[in-house]
């Protein structure tokens, strides 16, 4: 799900109270040792007010066009936040990778969303695997 994010537009994120790696830190350390900058975490709702899941946004050094490397990084991010999602009984997590902004006068960046869903048997899968 490609998304475009205009950095000059105001973005309102209601930070979700999460224990563990997100709390009190602006960086999330991944199992590989790499750190990513946390941009925010918030519940995501559709237009009728139904909760769709938890959105976790982070800044990536990768280009969103490199889907293979981006997916590997997103899987690591998800693995790091999954224990917190399970603590709050979340069944859907959107990991949103946002490129570092570029440009001087108008700063823009692109992003890509990976949706992870919990199956009835308790395992998780990424919806990109169905494409």
C-alpha atoms as a PDB file:
ATOM      1  CA  UNK A   1       0.000   0.000   0.000  1.00  0.00           C
ATOM      2  CA  UNK A   2       2.099   2.957  -1.154  1.00  0.00           C
ATOM      3  CA  UNK A   3       1.464   6.246   0.603  1.00  0.00           C
ATOM      4  CA  UNK A   4       2.837   9.745   0.087  1.00  0.00           C
ATOM      5  CA  UNK A   5       3.494  11.908   3.084  1.00  0.00           C
ATOM      6  CA  UNK A   6       3.893  15.677   2.810  1.00  0.00           C
ATOM      7  CA  UNK A   7       6.164  16.722   5.667  1.00  0.00           C
ATOM      8  CA  UNK A   8       4.759  20.236   5.760  1.00  0.00           C
ATOM      9  CA  UNK A   9       1.244  19.016   6.476  1.00  0.00           C
ATOM     10  CA  UNK A  10       0.351  18.695  10.141  1.00  0.00           C
ATOM     11  CA  UNK A  11       0.161  15.102  11.296  1.00  0.00           C
ATOM     12  CA  UNK A  12      -1.731  14.195  14.422  1.00  0.00           C
ATOM     13  CA  UNK A  13      -0.742  10.964  16.073  1.00  0.00           C
ATOM     14  CA  UNK A  14      -2.220   9.859  19.350  1.00  0.00           C
ATOM     15  CA  UNK A  15       0.590   7.927  20.960  1.00  0.00           C
ATOM     16  CA  UNK A  16      -0.520   4.600  22.300  1.00  0.00           C
ATOM     17  CA  UNK A  17       0.734   3.592  25.689  1.00  0.00           C
ATOM     18  CA  UNK A  18       3.037   0.679  24.923  1.00  0.00           C
ATOM     19  CA  UNK A  19       5.411  -0.984  27.290  1.00  0.00           C
ATOM     20  CA  UNK A  20       8.775  -2.189  26.085  1.00  0.00           C
ATOM     21  CA  UNK A  21      10.986  -0.823  23.359  1.00  0.00           C
ATOM     22  CA  UNK A  22       8.873   2.125  22.195  1.00  0.00           C
ATOM     23  CA  UNK A  23       8.287   3.765  25.550  1.00  0.00           C
ATOM     24  CA  UNK A  24      10.676   6.567  26.534  1.00  0.00           C
ATOM     25  CA  UNK A  25      12.782   6.271  23.390  1.00  0.00           C
ATOM     26  CA  UNK A  26      12.743   7.683  19.899  1.00  0.00           C
ATOM     27  CA  UNK A  27      14.664   4.704  18.470  1.00  0.00           C
ATOM     28  CA  UNK A  28      13.802   1.038  18.255  1.00  0.00           C
ATOM     29  CA  UNK A  29      16.659  -1.456  18.301  1.00  0.00           C
ATOM     30  CA  UNK A  30      16.081  -4.401  15.993  1.00  0.00           C
ATOM     31  CA  UNK A  31      17.326  -7.946  16.459  1.00  0.00           C
ATOM     32  CA  UNK A  32      19.983  -7.345  13.790  1.00  0.00           C
ATOM     33  CA  UNK A  33      21.421  -4.531  15.911  1.00  0.00           C
ATOM     34  CA  UNK A  34      20.133  -1.850  13.540  1.00  0.00           C
ATOM     35  CA  UNK A  35      18.161   1.031  15.037  1.00  0.00           C
ATOM     36  CA  UNK A  36      15.213   2.784  13.393  1.00  0.00           C
ATOM     37  CA  UNK A  37      13.724   6.129  14.341  1.00  0.00           C
ATOM     38  CA  UNK A  38      10.213   5.802  15.773  1.00  0.00           C
ATOM     39  CA  UNK A  39       7.808   8.372  14.338  1.00  0.00           C
ATOM     40  CA  UNK A  40       4.750   7.294  16.304  1.00  0.00           C
ATOM     41  CA  UNK A  41       2.239   4.652  17.203  1.00  0.00           C
ATOM     42  CA  UNK A  42      -1.510   5.120  17.200  1.00  0.00           C
ATOM     43  CA  UNK A  43      -4.753   3.229  16.848  1.00  0.00           C
ATOM     44  CA  UNK A  44      -6.108   3.382  13.308  1.00  0.00           C
ATOM     45  CA  UNK A  45      -9.846   3.806  12.663  1.00  0.00           C
ATOM     46  CA  UNK A  46     -11.905   3.749   9.486  1.00  0.00           C
ATOM     47  CA  UNK A  47     -14.334   6.534   8.597  1.00  0.00           C
ATOM     48  CA  UNK A  48     -17.185   4.893  10.514  1.00  0.00           C
ATOM     49  CA  UNK A  49     -15.093   4.736  13.688  1.00  0.00           C
ATOM     50  CA  UNK A  50     -14.280   1.012  13.616  1.00  0.00           C
ATOM     51  CA  UNK A  51     -10.820   0.246  14.976  1.00  0.00           C
ATOM     52  CA  UNK A  52      -8.675  -1.331  12.263  1.00  0.00           C
ATOM     53  CA  UNK A  53      -5.563  -1.967  14.313  1.00  0.00           C
ATOM     54  CA  UNK A  54      -2.395  -0.378  15.580  1.00  0.00           C
ATOM     55  CA  UNK A  55      -0.274   1.731  13.225  1.00  0.00           C
ATOM     56  CA  UNK A  56       3.439   1.918  13.974  1.00  0.00           C
ATOM     57  CA  UNK A  57       5.378   4.478  11.896  1.00  0.00           C
ATOM     58  CA  UNK A  58       9.132   4.528  11.614  1.00  0.00           C
ATOM     59  CA  UNK A  59      11.730   6.255   9.464  1.00  0.00           C
ATOM     60  CA  UNK A  60      13.766   4.081   7.137  1.00  0.00           C
ATOM     61  CA  UNK A  61      17.076   4.681   5.414  1.00  0.00           C
ATOM     62  CA  UNK A  62      15.863   2.423   2.586  1.00  0.00           C
ATOM     63  CA  UNK A  63      13.969   3.436  -0.533  1.00  0.00           C
ATOM     64  CA  UNK A  64      10.375   2.185  -0.601  1.00  0.00           C
ATOM     65  CA  UNK A  65      11.010   0.980  -4.132  1.00  0.00           C
ATOM     66  CA  UNK A  66      13.363  -1.692  -2.709  1.00  0.00           C
ATOM     67  CA  UNK A  67      10.475  -3.866  -1.504  1.00  0.00           C
ATOM     68  CA  UNK A  68      12.643  -6.887  -0.664  1.00  0.00           C
ATOM     69  CA  UNK A  69      14.955  -5.014   1.728  1.00  0.00           C
ATOM     70  CA  UNK A  70      12.059  -2.936   3.059  1.00  0.00           C
ATOM     71  CA  UNK A  71      10.007  -6.047   3.821  1.00  0.00           C
ATOM     72  CA  UNK A  72      12.942  -7.618   5.676  1.00  0.00           C
ATOM     73  CA  UNK A  73      13.313  -4.469   7.779  1.00  0.00           C
ATOM     74  CA  UNK A  74       9.541  -4.249   8.412  1.00  0.00           C
ATOM     75  CA  UNK A  75       9.522  -7.888   9.551  1.00  0.00           C
ATOM     76  CA  UNK A  76      12.243  -7.010  12.080  1.00  0.00           C
ATOM     77  CA  UNK A  77      10.278  -3.980  13.274  1.00  0.00           C
ATOM     78  CA  UNK A  78       7.150  -6.105  13.625  1.00  0.00           C
ATOM     79  CA  UNK A  79       9.063  -8.770  15.576  1.00  0.00           C
ATOM     80  CA  UNK A  80      10.230  -6.074  17.995  1.00  0.00           C
ATOM     81  CA  UNK A  81       6.753  -4.611  18.597  1.00  0.00           C
ATOM     82  CA  UNK A  82       4.731  -7.845  18.417  1.00  0.00           C
ATOM     83  CA  UNK A  83       5.028  -8.609  22.166  1.00  0.00           C
ATOM     84  CA  UNK A  84       3.504  -5.203  22.939  1.00  0.00           C
ATOM     85  CA  UNK A  85       0.727  -5.706  20.374  1.00  0.00           C
ATOM     86  CA  UNK A  86      -0.095  -9.064  21.918  1.00  0.00           C
ATOM     87  CA  UNK A  87      -0.140  -7.564  25.440  1.00  0.00           C
ATOM     88  CA  UNK A  88      -2.917  -5.204  24.346  1.00  0.00           C
ATOM     89  CA  UNK A  89      -4.738  -7.989  22.440  1.00  0.00           C
ATOM     90  CA  UNK A  90      -4.192  -6.368  19.051  1.00  0.00           C
ATOM     91  CA  UNK A  91      -5.127  -8.494  16.053  1.00  0.00           C
ATOM     92  CA  UNK A  92      -3.851  -6.197  13.310  1.00  0.00           C
ATOM     93  CA  UNK A  93      -0.654  -4.132  13.153  1.00  0.00           C
ATOM     94  CA  UNK A  94       0.275  -1.776  10.329  1.00  0.00           C
ATOM     95  CA  UNK A  95       4.032  -1.212  10.120  1.00  0.00           C
ATOM     96  CA  UNK A  96       4.521   1.988   8.138  1.00  0.00           C
ATOM     97  CA  UNK A  97       8.015   2.565   6.751  1.00  0.00           C
ATOM     98  CA  UNK A  98       8.568   6.222   5.861  1.00  0.00           C
ATOM     99  CA  UNK A  99      11.583   7.343   3.818  1.00  0.00           C
ATOM    100  CA  UNK A 100      13.708  10.191   5.142  1.00  0.00           C
ATOM    101  CA  UNK A 101      12.321  13.441   3.794  1.00  0.00           C
ATOM    102  CA  UNK A 102      14.039  15.068   0.848  1.00  0.00           C
ATOM    103  CA  UNK A 103      13.768  18.501  -0.678  1.00  0.00           C
ATOM    104  CA  UNK A 104      14.463  22.003   0.547  1.00  0.00           C
ATOM    105  CA  UNK A 105      11.447  24.258   0.083  1.00  0.00           C
ATOM    106  CA  UNK A 106       8.849  21.513  -0.076  1.00  0.00           C
ATOM    107  CA  UNK A 107       9.947  18.461   1.832  1.00  0.00           C
ATOM    108  CA  UNK A 108       8.394  15.173   0.767  1.00  0.00           C
ATOM    109  CA  UNK A 109       8.856  11.535   1.534  1.00  0.00           C
ATOM    110  CA  UNK A 110       7.218   8.285   0.551  1.00  0.00           C
ATOM    111  CA  UNK A 111       6.161   5.354   2.617  1.00  0.00           C
ATOM    112  CA  UNK A 112       4.894   1.823   2.428  1.00  0.00           C
ATOM    113  CA  UNK A 113       2.526   0.036   4.785  1.00  0.00           C
ATOM    114  CA  UNK A 114       2.887  -3.618   5.724  1.00  0.00           C
ATOM    115  CA  UNK A 115      -0.213  -5.071   7.392  1.00  0.00           C
ATOM    116  CA  UNK A 116       0.272  -7.968   9.819  1.00  0.00           C
ATOM    117  CA  UNK A 117      -2.783  -9.886  10.987  1.00  0.00           C
ATOM    118  CA  UNK A 118      -3.153 -12.392  13.772  1.00  0.00           C
ATOM    119  CA  UNK A 119      -4.787 -15.632  12.666  1.00  0.00           C
ATOM    120  CA  UNK A 120      -7.260 -17.598  14.832  1.00  0.00           C
ATOM    121  CA  UNK A 121      -4.481 -20.106  15.646  1.00  0.00           C
ATOM    122  CA  UNK A 122      -2.397 -17.290  17.192  1.00  0.00           C
ATOM    123  CA  UNK A 123       0.203 -17.000  14.432  1.00  0.00           C
ATOM    124  CA  UNK A 124       0.763 -13.788  12.483  1.00  0.00           C
ATOM    125  CA  UNK A 125       1.095 -13.226   8.723  1.00  0.00           C
ATOM    126  CA  UNK A 126       1.735 -10.265   6.463  1.00  0.00           C
ATOM    127  CA  UNK A 127      -0.960  -9.438   3.914  1.00  0.00           C
ATOM    128  CA  UNK A 128       1.753  -8.746   1.315  1.00  0.00           C
ATOM    129  CA  UNK A 129       2.305 -12.509   1.210  1.00  0.00           C
ATOM    130  CA  UNK A 130      -1.114 -12.860  -0.447  1.00  0.00           C
ATOM    131  CA  UNK A 131      -0.191 -10.618  -3.401  1.00  0.00           C
END
